């Protein structure tokens, strides 16, 4: 089953595929082009949102250490 993680951007798709690992992975594609593969669907969605932001010229999503 192929899902579209960003409803306003139908070019992004995530589907379970064989991609060189021992098990199927969630593969993120934009307009059919491979972006990356992930163990979890949620991780693929976050990457799709980040990719879309960068594509539109916005700041990328980056991991920041927690400060107190």
N, C-alpha and C. Protein backbone atom coordinates (compact mmCIF):
# COMPACT_ATOMS: atom_id res chain seq x y z
N UNK A 1 0.83 -1.17 0.00
CA UNK A 1 0.00 0.00 0.00
C UNK A 1 0.89 1.25 0.00
N UNK A 2 0.62 2.15 -0.91
CA UNK A 2 1.36 3.40 -1.00
C UNK A 2 0.54 4.51 -0.35
N UNK A 3 1.21 5.30 0.49
CA UNK A 3 0.55 6.40 1.19
C UNK A 3 1.15 7.73 0.74
N UNK A 4 0.35 8.78 0.83
CA UNK A 4 0.82 10.13 0.57
C UNK A 4 0.88 10.87 1.90
N UNK A 5 2.09 11.08 2.45
CA UNK A 5 2.22 11.65 3.79
C UNK A 5 1.86 13.13 3.88
N UNK A 6 1.96 13.86 2.78
CA UNK A 6 1.64 15.29 2.77
C UNK A 6 0.51 15.49 1.77
N UNK A 7 -0.68 15.69 2.25
CA UNK A 7 -1.86 15.78 1.38
C UNK A 7 -1.74 16.89 0.35
N UNK A 8 -1.12 18.02 0.71
CA UNK A 8 -1.00 19.14 -0.21
C UNK A 8 0.13 18.96 -1.23
N UNK A 9 0.93 17.91 -1.07
CA UNK A 9 2.05 17.62 -1.97
C UNK A 9 1.97 16.16 -2.42
N UNK A 10 1.16 15.87 -3.43
CA UNK A 10 0.97 14.47 -3.83
C UNK A 10 2.19 13.81 -4.45
N UNK A 11 3.26 14.55 -4.69
CA UNK A 11 4.48 13.96 -5.23
C UNK A 11 5.21 13.05 -4.26
N UNK A 12 4.93 13.21 -2.96
CA UNK A 12 5.58 12.39 -1.94
C UNK A 12 4.78 11.11 -1.72
N UNK A 13 5.49 9.97 -1.72
CA UNK A 13 4.86 8.68 -1.43
C UNK A 13 5.74 7.89 -0.49
N UNK A 14 5.08 7.07 0.32
CA UNK A 14 5.79 6.14 1.20
C UNK A 14 5.16 4.77 1.01
N UNK A 15 5.99 3.78 0.75
CA UNK A 15 5.50 2.41 0.55
C UNK A 15 6.51 1.44 1.13
N UNK A 16 6.02 0.29 1.60
CA UNK A 16 6.93 -0.77 2.06
C UNK A 16 7.54 -1.43 0.84
N UNK A 17 8.87 -1.47 0.78
CA UNK A 17 9.57 -2.03 -0.37
C UNK A 17 10.82 -2.77 0.10
N UNK A 18 11.24 -3.71 -0.73
CA UNK A 18 12.55 -4.33 -0.54
C UNK A 18 13.56 -3.36 -1.10
N UNK A 19 14.59 -3.04 -0.32
CA UNK A 19 15.59 -2.08 -0.81
C UNK A 19 16.99 -2.42 -0.31
N UNK A 20 17.31 -3.71 -0.27
CA UNK A 20 18.65 -4.12 0.10
C UNK A 20 18.83 -4.47 1.56
N UNK A 21 17.76 -4.45 2.34
CA UNK A 21 17.83 -4.82 3.75
C UNK A 21 17.16 -6.18 3.94
N UNK A 22 17.33 -6.75 5.11
CA UNK A 22 16.78 -8.08 5.38
C UNK A 22 15.25 -8.10 5.38
N UNK A 23 14.64 -6.96 5.69
CA UNK A 23 13.19 -6.85 5.71
C UNK A 23 12.77 -5.65 4.86
N UNK A 24 11.48 -5.59 4.55
CA UNK A 24 10.97 -4.43 3.82
C UNK A 24 11.09 -3.19 4.68
N UNK A 25 11.29 -2.06 4.03
CA UNK A 25 11.39 -0.77 4.73
C UNK A 25 10.40 0.21 4.12
N UNK A 26 10.11 1.25 4.89
CA UNK A 26 9.27 2.34 4.40
C UNK A 26 10.14 3.22 3.50
N UNK A 27 9.85 3.22 2.21
CA UNK A 27 10.66 3.96 1.25
C UNK A 27 9.94 5.25 0.89
N UNK A 28 10.66 6.37 1.06
CA UNK A 28 10.14 7.69 0.72
C UNK A 28 10.61 8.05 -0.67
N UNK A 29 9.67 8.47 -1.49
CA UNK A 29 9.98 8.91 -2.86
C UNK A 29 9.33 10.26 -3.12
N UNK A 30 9.97 11.06 -3.96
CA UNK A 30 9.37 12.30 -4.44
C UNK A 30 9.33 12.22 -5.95
N UNK A 31 8.14 12.27 -6.48
CA UNK A 31 7.91 12.14 -7.94
C UNK A 31 8.61 10.89 -8.48
N UNK A 32 8.57 9.82 -7.71
CA UNK A 32 9.14 8.55 -8.13
C UNK A 32 10.62 8.37 -7.82
N UNK A 33 11.31 9.44 -7.45
CA UNK A 33 12.74 9.37 -7.14
C UNK A 33 12.95 8.96 -5.68
N UNK A 34 13.83 7.99 -5.47
CA UNK A 34 14.15 7.50 -4.13
C UNK A 34 14.81 8.60 -3.32
N UNK A 35 14.30 8.83 -2.09
CA UNK A 35 14.92 9.78 -1.17
C UNK A 35 15.67 9.03 -0.08
N UNK A 36 14.95 8.11 0.62
CA UNK A 36 15.59 7.36 1.71
C UNK A 36 14.66 6.24 2.14
N UNK A 37 15.19 5.32 2.96
CA UNK A 37 14.36 4.24 3.52
C UNK A 37 14.43 4.30 5.03
N UNK A 38 13.36 3.83 5.69
CA UNK A 38 13.23 3.96 7.13
C UNK A 38 12.61 2.70 7.72
N UNK A 39 12.94 2.42 8.98
CA UNK A 39 12.35 1.30 9.69
C UNK A 39 10.90 1.63 10.06
N UNK A 40 10.61 2.90 10.38
CA UNK A 40 9.26 3.27 10.79
C UNK A 40 8.62 4.25 9.80
N UNK A 41 7.30 4.19 9.73
CA UNK A 41 6.54 5.10 8.88
C UNK A 41 6.69 6.54 9.37
N UNK A 42 6.64 6.73 10.70
CA UNK A 42 6.75 8.07 11.27
C UNK A 42 8.03 8.77 10.88
N UNK A 43 9.14 8.05 10.88
CA UNK A 43 10.42 8.63 10.49
C UNK A 43 10.39 9.07 9.03
N UNK A 44 9.74 8.30 8.19
CA UNK A 44 9.63 8.65 6.77
C UNK A 44 8.79 9.92 6.59
N UNK A 45 7.74 10.06 7.39
CA UNK A 45 6.88 11.26 7.31
C UNK A 45 7.68 12.50 7.71
N UNK A 46 8.44 12.40 8.80
CA UNK A 46 9.25 13.54 9.24
C UNK A 46 10.25 13.93 8.16
N UNK A 47 10.87 12.95 7.52
CA UNK A 47 11.83 13.24 6.44
C UNK A 47 11.14 13.88 5.25
N UNK A 48 9.91 13.45 4.93
CA UNK A 48 9.16 14.04 3.83
C UNK A 48 8.88 15.51 4.10
N UNK A 49 8.47 15.83 5.32
CA UNK A 49 8.19 17.22 5.69
C UNK A 49 9.47 18.05 5.60
N UNK A 50 10.57 17.51 6.11
CA UNK A 50 11.84 18.22 6.02
C UNK A 50 12.29 18.43 4.58
N UNK A 51 12.16 17.42 3.76
CA UNK A 51 12.53 17.52 2.34
C UNK A 51 11.68 18.57 1.66
N UNK A 52 10.39 18.58 1.96
CA UNK A 52 9.48 19.55 1.36
C UNK A 52 9.84 20.98 1.78
N UNK A 53 10.19 21.16 3.05
CA UNK A 53 10.60 22.49 3.52
C UNK A 53 11.84 22.98 2.77
N UNK A 54 12.83 22.13 2.65
CA UNK A 54 14.06 22.50 1.94
C UNK A 54 13.76 22.80 0.47
N UNK A 55 12.92 22.00 -0.14
CA UNK A 55 12.56 22.19 -1.55
C UNK A 55 11.90 23.55 -1.76
N UNK A 56 11.16 24.02 -0.77
CA UNK A 56 10.47 25.31 -0.86
C UNK A 56 11.33 26.47 -0.35
N UNK A 57 12.60 26.19 -0.01
CA UNK A 57 13.51 27.24 0.42
C UNK A 57 13.40 27.61 1.88
N UNK A 58 12.74 26.78 2.67
CA UNK A 58 12.61 27.04 4.10
C UNK A 58 13.75 26.38 4.86
N UNK A 59 13.84 26.70 6.13
CA UNK A 59 14.88 26.13 6.98
C UNK A 59 14.65 24.63 7.15
N UNK A 60 15.71 23.84 7.13
CA UNK A 60 15.56 22.40 7.36
C UNK A 60 15.25 22.12 8.83
N UNK A 61 14.66 20.97 9.08
CA UNK A 61 14.43 20.51 10.44
C UNK A 61 15.71 19.84 10.90
N UNK A 62 16.24 20.29 12.04
CA UNK A 62 17.47 19.70 12.56
C UNK A 62 17.27 19.30 14.01
N UNK A 63 17.99 18.27 14.42
CA UNK A 63 17.91 17.83 15.80
C UNK A 63 18.75 18.76 16.66
N UNK A 64 18.17 19.23 17.73
CA UNK A 64 18.85 20.12 18.65
C UNK A 64 18.98 19.43 20.01
N UNK A 65 20.13 19.51 20.66
CA UNK A 65 20.24 18.92 22.00
C UNK A 65 19.36 19.70 22.99
N UNK A 66 18.83 19.00 23.95
CA UNK A 66 18.00 19.63 24.98
C UNK A 66 18.91 20.38 25.94
N UNK A 67 18.57 21.64 26.19
CA UNK A 67 19.33 22.43 27.16
C UNK A 67 18.41 22.80 28.32
N UNK A 68 19.00 22.90 29.49
CA UNK A 68 18.21 23.25 30.68
C UNK A 68 18.51 24.63 31.15
